[in-house]
Protein backbone atom coordinates (compact mmCIF):
# COMPACT_ATOMS: atom_id res chain seq x y z
CA MET A 1 328.94 50.37 127.70
CA CYS A 2 332.14 51.12 125.83
CA GLN A 3 334.80 52.89 127.89
CA LYS A 4 336.56 54.45 124.84
CA ALA A 5 333.82 57.02 124.12
CA SER A 6 334.49 60.62 125.21
CA PHE A 7 332.13 63.60 125.34
CA PHE A 8 333.34 64.80 121.93
CA ASN A 9 332.92 61.40 120.31
CA PHE A 10 330.71 61.14 117.20
CA SER A 11 331.81 57.72 115.94
CA ILE A 12 329.52 54.69 116.25
CA TYR A 13 332.51 52.33 116.45
CA LYS A 14 333.52 53.70 119.84
CA ILE A 15 330.12 52.94 121.37
CA LEU A 16 329.94 49.35 120.13
CA SER A 17 331.72 46.51 121.93
CA LYS A 18 332.05 42.74 121.68
CA GLU A 19 330.36 42.33 125.07
CA GLN A 20 327.09 43.62 123.58
CA SER A 21 324.69 41.13 122.01
CA VAL A 22 323.79 41.22 118.31
CA LEU A 23 320.38 42.75 119.12
CA ASP A 24 321.85 45.41 121.42
CA GLN A 25 324.34 46.41 118.73
CA ALA A 26 321.49 46.57 116.19
CA ARG A 27 319.45 48.79 118.53
CA ILE A 28 322.38 51.19 118.98
CA ARG A 29 322.88 51.34 115.19
CA LEU A 30 319.15 51.96 114.69
CA LEU A 31 319.25 54.91 117.09
CA TYR A 32 322.49 56.26 115.61
CA TYR A 33 321.37 56.26 111.95
CA GLY A 34 317.70 56.82 112.82
CA PHE A 35 318.55 60.09 114.56
CA PHE A 36 320.16 61.25 111.33
CA LEU A 37 317.06 60.38 109.28
CA VAL A 38 314.67 62.04 111.76
CA PHE A 39 316.87 65.15 111.94
CA VAL A 40 316.90 65.51 108.14
CA ALA A 41 313.11 64.95 107.96
CA SER A 42 312.51 67.48 110.78
CA ALA A 43 314.71 70.06 109.02
CA ALA A 44 312.73 69.59 105.77
CA LEU A 45 309.41 69.95 107.63
CA LEU A 46 310.67 73.01 109.51
CA THR A 47 311.59 74.68 106.22
CA SER A 48 308.20 73.83 104.64
CA VAL A 49 305.95 74.97 107.52
CA TYR A 50 308.05 78.04 108.35
CA PHE A 51 307.66 79.52 104.87
CA GLN A 52 303.92 78.77 105.05
CA GLY A 53 303.67 80.68 108.31
CA GLN A 54 302.56 77.64 110.34
CA MET A 55 304.47 78.63 113.47
CA MET A 56 303.15 75.99 115.90
CA LEU A 57 304.30 73.22 113.56
CA ALA A 58 307.60 75.10 113.07
CA TYR A 59 308.20 75.21 116.83
CA THR A 60 307.24 71.53 117.07
CA SER A 61 309.79 70.64 114.35
CA LEU A 62 312.42 72.81 116.04
CA PHE A 63 311.82 71.12 119.41
CA LEU A 64 312.10 67.69 117.75
CA MET A 65 315.41 68.68 116.09
CA PHE A 66 316.79 69.93 119.42
CA SER A 67 315.71 66.71 121.18
CA ILE A 68 317.36 64.62 118.45
CA ILE A 69 320.66 66.53 118.83
CA VAL A 70 320.68 66.05 122.65
CA LEU A 71 319.80 62.35 122.44
CA PHE A 72 322.38 61.77 119.69
CA LYS A 73 325.08 63.35 121.86
CA ALA A 74 323.98 61.22 124.82
CA LEU A 75 324.16 58.10 122.65
CA THR A 76 327.68 58.81 121.35
CA TYR A 77 328.95 59.66 124.85
CA LYS A 78 327.27 57.02 127.01
CA PRO A 79 325.35 54.58 124.80
CA ASN A 80 322.61 53.63 127.26
CA TRP A 81 320.19 52.74 124.47
CA LEU A 82 317.46 51.67 126.90
CA SER A 83 317.12 55.05 128.62
CA ILE A 84 317.56 56.97 125.34
CA SER A 85 314.77 54.89 123.75
CA HIS A 86 312.41 55.74 126.64
CA VAL A 87 313.17 59.46 126.32
CA LEU A 88 312.70 59.37 122.54
CA LEU A 89 309.34 57.58 122.84
CA ILE A 90 308.14 60.03 125.51
CA VAL A 91 309.10 62.98 123.26
CA GLY A 92 307.39 61.32 120.27
CA THR A 93 304.22 60.64 122.28
CA LEU A 94 304.01 64.23 123.57
CA LEU A 95 304.61 65.68 120.12
CA ASN A 96 302.02 63.39 118.52
CA VAL A 97 299.35 64.33 121.11
CA SER A 98 300.18 68.06 120.86
CA ILE A 99 299.92 67.97 117.05
CA VAL A 100 296.50 66.24 117.19
CA TYR A 101 294.98 68.35 120.02
CA ILE A 102 296.70 71.73 119.47
CA SER A 103 298.67 72.25 116.26
CA LEU A 104 296.35 70.61 113.69
CA GLN A 105 293.29 69.78 115.85
CA SER A 106 292.62 66.92 113.46
CA ILE A 107 293.81 63.44 112.53
CA ASN A 108 295.35 62.71 109.16
CA ILE A 109 297.48 60.04 107.57
CA VAL A 110 300.67 61.64 108.92
CA THR A 111 299.57 61.37 112.55
CA VAL A 112 298.48 57.76 111.97
CA GLN A 113 301.91 57.00 110.52
CA VAL A 114 303.62 58.53 113.55
CA VAL A 115 301.54 56.32 115.85
CA ILE A 116 302.52 53.25 113.83
CA ILE A 117 306.21 54.24 113.99
CA VAL A 118 306.01 54.67 117.78
CA ILE A 119 304.33 51.27 118.18
CA VAL A 120 306.87 49.46 115.98
CA PHE A 121 309.84 51.26 117.55
CA SER A 122 308.69 50.61 121.15
CA TYR A 123 308.18 46.87 120.60
CA TYR A 124 311.51 46.40 118.77
CA MET A 125 313.52 48.46 121.23
CA LEU A 126 311.90 47.78 124.60
CA GLY A 127 309.99 44.52 124.30
CA GLN A 128 306.39 43.49 124.86
CA LYS A 129 305.69 45.20 128.20
CA TRP A 130 306.88 48.71 127.28
CA GLY A 131 305.72 48.26 123.69
CA LEU A 132 302.17 47.76 124.96
CA ILE A 133 302.42 50.75 127.33
CA TYR A 134 303.65 53.18 124.66
CA SER A 135 301.14 51.80 122.14
CA LEU A 136 298.27 52.58 124.52
CA LEU A 137 299.71 56.02 125.36
CA ASN A 138 299.59 56.89 121.65
CA THR A 139 296.41 55.16 120.49
CA ILE A 140 294.07 56.03 123.39
CA PRO A 141 294.42 59.86 122.94
CA ILE A 142 293.82 59.46 119.18
CA LEU A 143 290.69 57.33 119.73
CA LEU A 144 289.49 59.75 122.43
CA PHE A 145 289.94 62.67 120.02
CA LEU A 146 287.89 60.88 117.34
CA PHE A 147 285.14 60.20 119.90
CA ILE A 148 285.04 63.86 121.06
CA GLU A 149 285.10 65.21 117.51
CA HIS A 150 282.31 62.89 116.39
CA ASN A 151 280.00 63.57 119.32
CA TYR A 152 280.76 67.09 120.54
CA SER A 153 282.84 68.82 117.82
CA TYR A 154 286.31 69.47 119.22
CA VAL A 155 286.88 73.24 119.52
CA ILE A 156 289.55 75.22 121.43
CA ARG A 157 290.53 78.89 121.37
CA ILE A 158 293.85 78.26 119.57
CA LYS A 159 293.65 78.53 115.82
CA PRO A 160 294.95 75.32 114.17
CA ASP A 161 297.68 75.28 111.50
CA LYS A 162 296.86 74.20 108.01
CA ILE A 163 299.45 72.15 106.14
CA ASP A 164 299.61 72.01 102.37
CA GLN A 165 300.15 69.02 100.13
CA SER A 166 303.94 69.47 99.94
CA THR A 167 304.25 69.21 103.73
CA ILE A 168 302.12 66.07 103.73
CA VAL A 169 304.27 64.54 100.96
CA ILE A 170 307.48 65.31 102.87
CA SER A 171 306.04 63.82 106.09
CA LEU A 172 304.74 60.69 104.35
CA PHE A 173 308.03 60.18 102.53
CA ALA A 174 310.07 60.57 105.73
CA ASN A 175 307.76 58.26 107.71
CA PHE A 176 307.86 55.54 105.03
CA ILE A 177 311.66 55.73 104.90
CA LEU A 178 311.83 55.49 108.70
CA LEU A 179 309.43 52.51 108.86
CA ILE A 180 311.35 50.66 106.14
CA PHE A 181 314.66 51.41 107.89
CA ILE A 182 313.40 50.14 111.28
CA HIS A 183 311.97 46.92 109.86
CA SER A 184 314.90 46.23 107.56
CA HIS A 185 317.57 46.91 110.16
CA LEU A 186 316.03 44.93 113.02
CA TYR A 187 314.80 42.09 110.79
CA ASN A 188 318.38 41.58 109.66
CA ALA A 189 319.53 41.68 113.30
CA PHE A 190 316.92 39.11 114.31
CA ILE A 191 317.97 36.75 111.48
CA LYS A 192 321.61 37.15 112.47
CA ASN A 193 320.73 36.54 116.11
CA LEU A 194 318.83 33.36 115.20
CA LYS A 195 321.84 32.11 113.27
CA GLN A 196 324.06 32.82 116.25
CA LEU A 197 321.66 30.99 118.56
CA LYS A 198 321.69 28.02 116.20
CA GLU A 199 325.49 28.05 116.12
CA SER A 200 325.55 28.39 119.91
CA ALA A 201 323.18 25.42 120.19
CA TYR A 202 325.54 23.33 118.05
CA LYS A 203 328.52 24.49 120.12
CA GLN A 204 326.62 23.80 123.34
CA LYS A 205 325.78 20.32 122.09
CA ALA A 206 329.43 19.72 121.24
CA LEU A 207 330.48 21.04 124.66
CA ASN A 208 327.92 18.80 126.37
CA GLN A 209 329.32 15.82 124.51
CA LYS A 210 332.83 16.81 125.56
CA LEU A 211 331.59 17.31 129.12
CA GLU A 212 329.99 13.86 129.16
CA LYS A 213 333.24 12.36 127.90
CA ALA A 214 335.18 14.34 130.51
CA ILE A 215 332.82 13.14 133.28
CA GLU A 216 333.14 9.56 132.05
CA LYS A 217 336.91 9.95 131.93
CA ALA A 218 336.92 11.47 135.43
CA GLU A 219 334.81 8.60 136.77
CA LYS A 220 337.16 6.08 135.19
CA SER A 221 340.10 8.04 136.57
CA ALA A 222 338.53 8.01 140.04
CA HIS A 223 337.98 4.26 139.75
CA VAL A 224 341.55 3.73 138.57
CA GLN A 225 342.79 5.95 141.40
CA SER A 226 340.81 3.94 143.90
CA GLU A 227 342.19 0.68 142.49
CA PHE A 228 345.69 2.15 142.48
CA LEU A 229 345.39 3.22 146.12
CA SER A 230 344.08 -0.21 147.01
CA THR A 231 346.99 -1.90 145.24
CA MET A 232 349.57 0.48 146.69
CA SER A 233 348.02 0.13 150.12
CA HIS A 234 348.24 -3.63 149.91
CA GLU A 235 351.79 -3.56 148.55
CA ILE A 236 353.03 -1.07 151.17
CA ARG A 237 351.08 -2.23 154.22
CA THR A 238 351.90 -5.91 153.68
CA PRO A 239 355.67 -5.46 154.16
CA LEU A 240 354.95 -2.88 156.88
CA ASN A 241 352.92 -5.53 158.64
CA ALA A 242 356.00 -7.75 158.58
CA VAL A 243 358.41 -4.99 159.68
CA ILE A 244 356.26 -3.79 162.59
CA GLY A 245 355.22 -7.29 163.58
CA MET A 246 358.78 -8.64 163.60
CA SER A 247 359.92 -5.59 165.59
CA ASN A 248 357.27 -6.29 168.21
CA LEU A 249 358.06 -9.99 168.38
CA LEU A 250 361.80 -9.29 168.75
CA MET A 251 361.14 -6.69 171.47
CA MET A 252 358.97 -9.23 173.30
CA GLY A 253 361.95 -11.61 173.32
CA SER A 254 364.02 -9.63 175.87
CA PRO A 255 366.64 -8.17 173.48
CA ARG A 256 369.94 -6.67 174.66
CA PRO A 257 369.87 -2.88 175.34
CA GLU A 258 371.64 -2.00 172.07
CA GLN A 259 369.33 -4.36 170.15
CA LYS A 260 366.29 -2.85 171.84
CA GLU A 261 367.41 0.64 170.81
CA ASN A 262 367.82 -0.45 167.19
CA LEU A 263 364.44 -2.17 167.23
CA GLU A 264 362.76 0.93 168.67
CA ILE A 265 364.27 3.04 165.87
CA LEU A 266 363.09 0.49 163.31
CA LYS A 267 359.61 0.39 164.82
CA PHE A 268 359.41 4.19 165.07
CA SER A 269 360.34 4.61 161.38
CA ALA A 270 357.88 1.93 160.29
CA ASN A 271 355.08 3.50 162.34
CA ASN A 272 355.84 6.90 160.80
CA LEU A 273 355.59 5.40 157.32
CA LEU A 274 352.35 3.67 158.29
CA ALA A 275 350.95 6.97 159.60
CA ILE A 276 351.71 8.68 156.26
CA VAL A 277 350.06 5.86 154.30
CA ASN A 278 347.02 5.95 156.58
CA ASP A 279 346.69 9.74 156.25
CA VAL A 280 346.62 9.53 152.45
CA LEU A 281 344.11 6.67 152.48
CA ASP A 282 341.85 8.32 155.06
CA PHE A 283 341.87 11.61 153.16
CA ASN A 284 340.95 9.82 149.94
CA LYS A 285 338.12 8.05 151.75
CA ILE A 286 336.79 11.34 153.13
CA GLU A 287 337.06 13.20 149.80
CA SER A 288 335.28 10.39 147.96
CA GLY A 289 332.26 10.93 150.22
CA LYS A 290 332.08 7.25 151.15
CA LEU A 291 333.11 7.60 154.78
CA VAL A 292 330.47 6.13 157.09
CA PHE A 293 330.40 6.90 160.81
CA GLU A 294 329.65 4.15 163.30
CA ASN A 295 327.24 4.53 166.20
CA VAL A 296 328.50 2.11 168.85
CA ARG A 297 328.72 2.07 172.63
CA PHE A 298 331.97 3.27 174.20
CA ASP A 299 333.45 4.70 177.38
CA LEU A 300 334.77 8.20 176.59
CA VAL A 301 336.97 8.38 179.71
CA GLU A 302 338.63 5.04 178.96
CA LEU A 303 338.98 6.06 175.30
CA MET A 304 340.80 9.29 176.24
CA TYR A 305 343.20 7.45 178.56
CA ASN A 306 343.89 4.90 175.83
CA ILE A 307 344.54 7.65 173.26
CA CYS A 308 346.79 9.68 175.52
CA GLY A 309 348.57 6.77 177.21
CA GLY A 310 351.09 6.19 174.43
CA GLN A 311 351.28 9.92 173.65
CA MET A 312 352.09 10.66 177.28
CA LEU A 313 355.13 8.38 177.10
CA LYS A 314 356.19 10.06 173.87
CA ALA A 315 355.90 13.49 175.52
CA HIS A 316 357.91 12.40 178.56
CA GLU A 317 360.64 10.99 176.33
CA LYS A 318 360.86 14.47 174.75
CA GLY A 319 361.04 16.10 178.18
CA LEU A 320 357.53 17.58 178.05
CA GLN A 321 355.01 17.73 180.86
CA PHE A 322 351.79 16.02 179.68
CA THR A 323 348.51 16.62 181.51
CA LEU A 324 345.19 14.92 180.75
CA THR A 325 342.12 16.32 182.51
CA VAL A 326 338.76 14.57 182.18
CA ASP A 327 335.57 16.01 183.67
CA ASN A 328 334.14 13.85 186.48
CA ALA A 329 330.70 14.33 184.93
CA LEU A 330 331.82 12.13 182.01
CA LYS A 331 332.80 9.17 184.15
CA ASN A 332 330.66 6.03 184.40
CA LYS A 333 328.64 7.00 181.34
CA VAL A 334 327.94 4.97 178.20
CA PHE A 335 328.26 7.09 175.04
CA PHE A 336 327.14 6.30 171.51
CA GLY A 337 329.24 7.45 168.55
CA ASP A 338 332.28 6.59 166.48
CA PRO A 339 335.20 6.05 168.88
CA THR A 340 337.54 5.29 165.97
CA ARG A 341 337.04 8.75 164.44
CA ILE A 342 337.21 10.48 167.82
CA THR A 343 340.51 8.68 168.38
CA GLN A 344 341.73 9.80 164.96
CA VAL A 345 340.86 13.46 165.63
CA VAL A 346 342.29 13.64 169.16
CA PHE A 347 345.38 11.57 168.27
CA ASN A 348 346.22 13.89 165.35
CA LEU A 349 345.86 17.00 167.49
CA VAL A 350 347.83 15.60 170.44
CA ASN A 351 350.52 14.23 168.12
CA ASN A 352 350.86 17.69 166.52
CA ALA A 353 351.04 19.35 169.94
CA ILE A 354 353.93 17.10 170.97
CA LYS A 355 355.66 17.37 167.60
CA PHE A 356 355.65 21.18 167.54
CA THR A 357 356.50 21.71 171.23
CA PRO A 358 360.29 21.70 171.83
CA LYS A 359 359.88 22.25 175.58
CA GLY A 360 357.17 22.99 178.09
CA ASN A 361 353.71 21.50 178.45
CA VAL A 362 350.93 19.77 176.58
CA TRP A 363 347.44 19.88 178.10
CA VAL A 364 344.49 17.76 176.98
CA SER A 365 341.15 18.66 178.51
CA VAL A 366 337.74 17.02 178.06
CA THR A 367 334.81 18.74 179.78
CA SER A 368 331.03 18.45 179.86
CA GLN A 369 329.43 21.58 178.40
CA GLU A 370 325.72 20.84 178.24
CA ASP A 371 323.85 17.80 179.56
CA ARG A 372 320.41 17.27 178.05
CA HIS A 373 319.46 13.83 179.38
CA ASN A 374 320.07 11.68 176.30
CA ASN A 375 322.55 14.09 174.66
CA LEU A 376 325.69 15.59 176.07
CA THR A 377 327.93 18.26 174.51
CA VAL A 378 331.59 17.53 175.19
CA ARG A 379 334.32 20.15 174.72
CA PHE A 380 337.77 18.95 173.71
CA SER A 381 340.82 21.17 174.17
CA ILE A 382 344.41 20.36 173.14
CA LYS A 383 346.84 23.07 174.20
CA ASP A 384 350.62 23.36 174.07
CA THR A 385 353.52 25.75 174.68
CA GLY A 386 355.01 25.08 171.24
CA ILE A 387 356.29 27.21 168.39
CA GLY A 388 352.86 28.70 167.59
CA ILE A 389 351.27 29.64 164.27
CA LYS A 390 351.12 32.99 162.47
CA ASP A 391 347.68 34.63 162.24
CA SER A 392 347.96 34.65 158.43
CA SER A 393 348.54 30.89 158.44
CA LEU A 394 345.77 29.83 160.83
CA LYS A 395 343.20 29.31 158.04
CA ASN A 396 345.64 27.61 155.69
CA ILE A 397 346.77 24.92 158.14
CA PHE A 398 343.46 23.10 157.68
CA GLU A 399 343.95 22.83 153.92
CA PRO A 400 345.21 19.48 152.56
CA PHE A 401 348.95 19.02 151.96
CA THR A 402 349.61 22.33 153.75
CA GLN A 403 351.89 23.23 156.64
CA GLU A 404 352.68 26.68 157.96
CA SER A 405 355.88 26.97 155.92
CA LEU A 406 358.42 24.97 153.95
CA ALA A 407 360.87 25.34 156.83
CA THR A 408 358.31 23.76 159.18
CA THR A 409 357.87 20.83 156.79
CA ARG A 410 361.62 20.28 156.54
CA GLU A 411 362.18 20.51 160.29
CA TYR A 412 359.19 18.57 161.60
CA GLY A 413 358.16 16.43 158.60
CA GLY A 414 354.64 15.16 157.91
CA THR A 415 352.29 15.13 154.92
CA GLY A 416 350.23 18.17 155.88
CA LEU A 417 347.08 16.00 155.88
CA GLY A 418 346.56 15.58 159.64
CA LEU A 419 344.64 18.81 160.32
CA ALA A 420 342.80 18.58 156.99
CA ILE A 421 341.51 15.15 158.03
CA VAL A 422 340.60 16.47 161.49
CA LYS A 423 338.62 19.37 159.99
CA ARG A 424 336.81 17.15 157.45
CA LEU A 425 335.92 14.51 160.06
CA LEU A 426 334.49 17.13 162.43
CA GLU A 427 332.59 18.93 159.66
CA LEU A 428 331.02 15.65 158.56
CA GLN A 429 329.79 15.25 162.15
CA GLY A 430 328.37 18.77 162.17
CA THR A 431 330.99 20.48 164.32
CA HIS A 432 333.70 23.08 163.83
CA ILE A 433 337.29 23.26 165.07
CA GLU A 434 338.74 26.51 166.42
CA ALA A 435 342.46 27.31 166.49
CA ILE A 436 344.05 29.92 168.78
CA SER A 437 347.76 30.53 168.52
CA LYS A 438 350.60 32.98 169.16
CA ILE A 439 354.10 32.71 167.77
CA GLY A 440 356.51 31.50 170.45
CA GLU A 441 353.76 30.99 173.05
CA GLY A 442 351.87 27.97 171.77
CA SER A 443 348.57 26.86 170.24
CA GLU A 444 345.19 25.61 171.35
CA PHE A 445 342.69 23.61 169.31
CA LEU A 446 339.10 23.40 170.54
CA PHE A 447 335.95 21.71 169.31
CA ASN A 448 332.60 20.62 170.69
CA MET A 449 331.02 17.26 169.96
CA GLU A 450 327.44 16.27 170.73
CA LEU A 451 327.18 12.63 171.77
CA SER A 452 324.23 10.44 172.64
CA VAL A 453 324.31 9.08 176.19
CA SER A 454 322.76 5.87 177.49
CA THR A 455 320.92 5.76 180.81
CA GLU A 456 322.99 2.74 181.91
CA VAL A 457 326.08 3.19 184.06
CA ILE A 458 329.48 1.61 183.34
CA ALA A 459 330.76 -0.66 186.04
CA ALA A 460 334.18 0.16 187.43
CA GLY A 461 336.93 -1.11 185.17
CA MET A 462 334.54 -1.98 182.34
CA GLY A 463 336.25 -2.60 179.02
CA LYS A 464 339.78 -2.92 180.44
CA GLN A 465 341.46 -6.10 179.36
CA ALA A 466 343.07 -8.32 181.97
CA GLU A 467 346.82 -8.76 181.99
CA THR A 468 346.82 -12.45 181.04
CA ALA A 469 344.57 -14.69 178.93
CA GLU A 470 343.30 -18.04 180.08
CA GLU A 471 345.70 -20.39 178.32
CA GLU A 472 343.45 -23.40 178.54
CA GLY A 473 340.67 -21.57 176.68
CA LEU A 474 343.09 -20.41 173.99
CA LYS A 475 344.65 -23.87 173.62
CA SER A 476 341.34 -25.37 172.65
CA LEU A 477 340.82 -22.80 169.86
CA LYS A 478 341.13 -24.29 166.35
CA VAL A 479 342.14 -21.53 163.96
CA LEU A 480 342.41 -21.75 160.17
CA ILE A 481 344.52 -18.99 158.59
CA ALA A 482 344.16 -18.38 154.85
CA GLU A 483 347.25 -16.34 153.90
CA ASP A 484 349.58 -16.48 150.89
CA ASN A 485 352.36 -14.20 152.19
CA MET A 486 354.92 -16.36 153.96
CA VAL A 487 356.23 -13.53 156.12
CA ASN A 488 352.71 -12.84 157.39
CA VAL A 489 352.22 -16.58 157.95
CA MET A 490 355.35 -16.67 160.09
CA LEU A 491 354.21 -13.63 162.06
CA MET A 492 350.78 -15.11 162.69
CA LYS A 493 352.31 -18.39 163.85
CA LYS A 494 354.62 -16.55 166.26
CA LEU A 495 351.78 -14.44 167.59
CA LEU A 496 349.43 -17.39 168.10
CA SER A 497 352.23 -19.40 169.68
CA LYS A 498 352.36 -16.75 172.43
CA TRP A 499 348.73 -17.70 173.13
CA LYS A 500 349.50 -21.49 172.95
CA ILE A 501 347.58 -21.81 169.67
CA ILE A 502 348.85 -23.93 166.78
CA PRO A 503 346.99 -22.74 163.66
CA THR A 504 346.39 -24.51 160.35
CA ILE A 505 347.69 -22.59 157.34
CA ALA A 506 346.03 -22.52 153.90
CA GLU A 507 348.16 -20.82 151.23
CA ASN A 508 345.13 -19.73 149.18
CA GLY A 509 341.34 -19.64 149.20
CA GLU A 510 340.95 -22.97 147.42
CA ARG A 511 343.05 -24.76 150.07
CA ALA A 512 341.01 -23.06 152.81
CA VAL A 513 337.81 -24.50 151.30
CA GLU A 514 339.42 -27.97 151.13
CA PHE A 515 340.54 -27.75 154.79
CA MET A 516 337.00 -26.83 155.79
CA GLN A 517 335.55 -29.78 153.88
CA TYR A 518 337.72 -32.34 155.69
CA GLY A 519 338.41 -30.69 159.05
CA ASN A 520 336.73 -28.87 161.92
CA PHE A 521 337.66 -25.33 162.98
CA ASP A 522 336.32 -22.70 165.37
CA ILE A 523 337.22 -19.61 163.34
CA ILE A 524 338.88 -18.56 160.06
CA LEU A 525 341.24 -15.62 159.60
CA MET A 526 340.84 -14.94 155.88
CA ASP A 527 343.17 -12.81 153.75
CA LEU A 528 341.28 -11.24 150.85
CA GLN A 529 343.88 -11.02 148.08
CA MET A 530 345.26 -14.50 147.38
CA PRO A 531 346.19 -16.47 144.25
CA VAL A 532 344.07 -19.32 142.80
CA MET A 533 341.00 -18.24 144.83
CA ASN A 534 340.62 -14.97 146.74
CA GLY A 535 339.07 -14.57 150.17
CA PHE A 536 335.69 -13.38 148.86
CA ASP A 537 335.16 -16.42 146.64
CA ALA A 538 336.44 -18.78 149.33
CA THR A 539 333.97 -17.34 151.85
CA GLN A 540 331.06 -17.78 149.43
CA GLU A 541 332.05 -21.45 148.85
CA ILE A 542 332.23 -22.08 152.60
CA ARG A 543 328.83 -20.48 153.18
CA LYS A 544 327.34 -22.93 150.63
CA MET A 545 328.53 -26.06 152.49
CA ALA A 546 325.92 -28.67 153.40
CA ASP A 547 327.07 -28.94 157.03
CA PRO A 548 325.30 -26.03 158.84
CA LYS A 549 328.04 -25.80 161.46
CA LYS A 550 330.75 -25.39 158.80
CA ALA A 551 328.63 -23.01 156.73
CA ARG A 552 328.16 -20.74 159.77
CA ILE A 553 331.78 -20.71 160.95
CA PRO A 554 332.93 -17.21 162.01
CA ILE A 555 335.22 -15.62 159.41
CA ILE A 556 337.31 -12.50 160.04
CA ALA A 557 338.75 -10.73 157.01
CA LEU A 558 342.40 -9.68 157.20
CA THR A 559 343.59 -7.33 154.47
CA ALA A 560 345.89 -4.43 153.69
CA SER A 561 343.57 -3.13 150.96
CA ALA A 562 342.30 0.45 151.15
CA LEU A 563 339.25 0.40 148.87
CA VAL A 564 336.54 2.54 150.47
CA ASP A 565 333.86 -0.10 149.88
CA ILE A 566 335.95 -3.06 151.09
CA LYS A 567 334.00 -3.30 154.33
CA ASP A 568 330.68 -3.51 152.48
CA ARG A 569 332.05 -6.27 150.24
CA VAL A 570 333.31 -8.19 153.29
CA PHE A 571 329.87 -8.29 154.92
CA ARG A 572 328.09 -8.80 151.60
CA VAL A 573 329.83 -12.13 150.93
CA GLY A 574 329.06 -13.37 154.45
CA MET A 575 332.16 -12.59 156.51
CA ASN A 576 331.54 -11.70 160.14
CA ASP A 577 334.11 -8.98 160.77
CA TYR A 578 337.03 -7.06 159.35
CA VAL A 579 340.56 -6.21 160.58
CA SER A 580 342.92 -4.04 158.58
CA LYS A 581 346.64 -4.77 158.44
CA PRO A 582 348.77 -3.85 160.27
CA PHE A 583 346.48 -4.57 163.23
CA LYS A 584 346.70 -4.56 167.01
CA PRO A 585 346.64 -8.06 168.51
CA ASP A 586 344.17 -7.03 171.21
CA GLU A 587 341.84 -5.74 168.49
CA LEU A 588 341.97 -9.12 166.76
CA LEU A 589 341.36 -11.01 170.00
CA GLU A 590 338.47 -8.73 170.90
CA LYS A 591 336.78 -9.53 167.60
CA ILE A 592 337.43 -13.25 168.09
CA GLN A 593 335.86 -13.05 171.56
CA LYS A 594 332.72 -11.52 170.08
CA LEU A 595 332.35 -14.33 167.54
CA ILE A 596 333.10 -17.46 169.53
CA THR A 597 332.55 -18.73 173.10
CA LEU A 598 335.21 -20.92 174.68
CA PRO A 599 335.97 -21.64 178.33
CA GLY A 600 338.45 -19.12 179.65
CA LEU A 601 338.35 -16.93 176.56
CA ASN A 602 336.88 -13.92 178.30
CA SER A 603 339.96 -11.86 179.02
CA SER A 604 342.94 -10.70 177.08
CA GLY A 605 346.60 -11.25 177.68
CA ILE A 606 347.70 -9.46 174.57
CA SER A 607 349.73 -6.28 174.60
CA GLY A 608 348.69 -3.24 172.60
CA HIS A 609 351.63 -3.34 170.20
CA VAL A 610 350.86 -3.04 166.52
CA LEU A 611 351.37 -6.13 164.39
């Protein structure tokens, strides 16, 4: 409906709008000009029958003229053509029946024409359903009248009017003009509408082609982005591996106090940079929909102490009181789930709590909510007495690249991805995180996680690594390292020398295959991106060797790449496991222990520093 029309409007242009379809505009025009034609015809009939003294027909014509005036005003004020068409057809039906049964008490060519006009008008204006209804409402009374007149002679007490030839001529002329106008006007509208549909089909086809090209371009862009992230990950994490690794090795060498302080600053900065890189890569992995959750055995209590151990030291260095509370009902239980992702969620929340708490306390609580034999609902709570969050910002903090304010970003740093990653990881596991906060009083983050529980019980101290490794078992280990980066080679040599291992170094995949052909090794640490021959191709060549022992040698992939499908590719080519750089030495040793069996190699003497 057009908003420009007022009650005193008489212009058709103010009741037409671009939002209306071609057919709707044609229907409004038909009513607008059709009312004029019907009014003129009714006036001519009124004049003819009045002077002949046919008063019932005169009143009928007068009523029709009045109805036309009211409907015309309604159309020019509020052009609801659908309702106006219904009213017009009802008036036409009543008048047609009254003329047949009362005014004329007979059927002639004029009444038949009126029925035809009603049928045509109802179908054009209202469609098949209402067209059929109004057609039956007009034809059934006419057929019933013919039946009564033929069998019983229709007679009522009211004397019928008699119309002369001039009245019939006027009626026929008006009806023919009206029929021609309806057909001509709407036929033209239908042709125009078909042309528009054809043009729309061509436009839609063109848009579909553009959309297909856009989708193809987006897919290529996503692939390029993934490749770019992989390259950047490799290029950034490789030197970070050297920086963090060298910092750890230097700190293990009993440095002077001032040297230790400098090394701690260097290590802290490198770890911060690594955390930013990891956040971006993890978020990309989540958004791409290719994140896969593991379902492995783990000890939740031990996991929580491992997560909060380093964070507790960080809190104490800042002067904060750190409290970890774990429900006794969770102890000595074997859980199934993804400990890596649980670590990521809890670490992010605890790290935030410490970061945004200048003084006071940080509490981490893990409690059993509901124990259903093989499933247990665990409630995690991370609470602090920090700066707090505004109510208006509570929803936004979980959006990517968002922090509460620019001032917060400048003061505390960060990418704004931590909480977004937490939310996405929990949502993918079917749970929701709740945030409660007050400015100046602190914040609390809570979430429930349903975990599968095994019926077996963990022995005391299960999973904790011993303080020292059995040197004799490590000495006998023959390790082949395929690595092209000389800094990483030096780091690996220094690390393995701490374990009394002298490794063999292959500077590329081709040399690694040659070493395997002429030598004997217990395990291979294989970098993936190397010149001449990469780690994937080298692994495939080794797996094809005739000697079964050499073909089945355990191979652990070492890479700084961030491609989301890198793990699948690693296992697809026949590698046994995967460690991402920079890695923790105890993580590497744990994977080695799983793949080989040597005397004395059943405990770890490796610290948890990142290399």
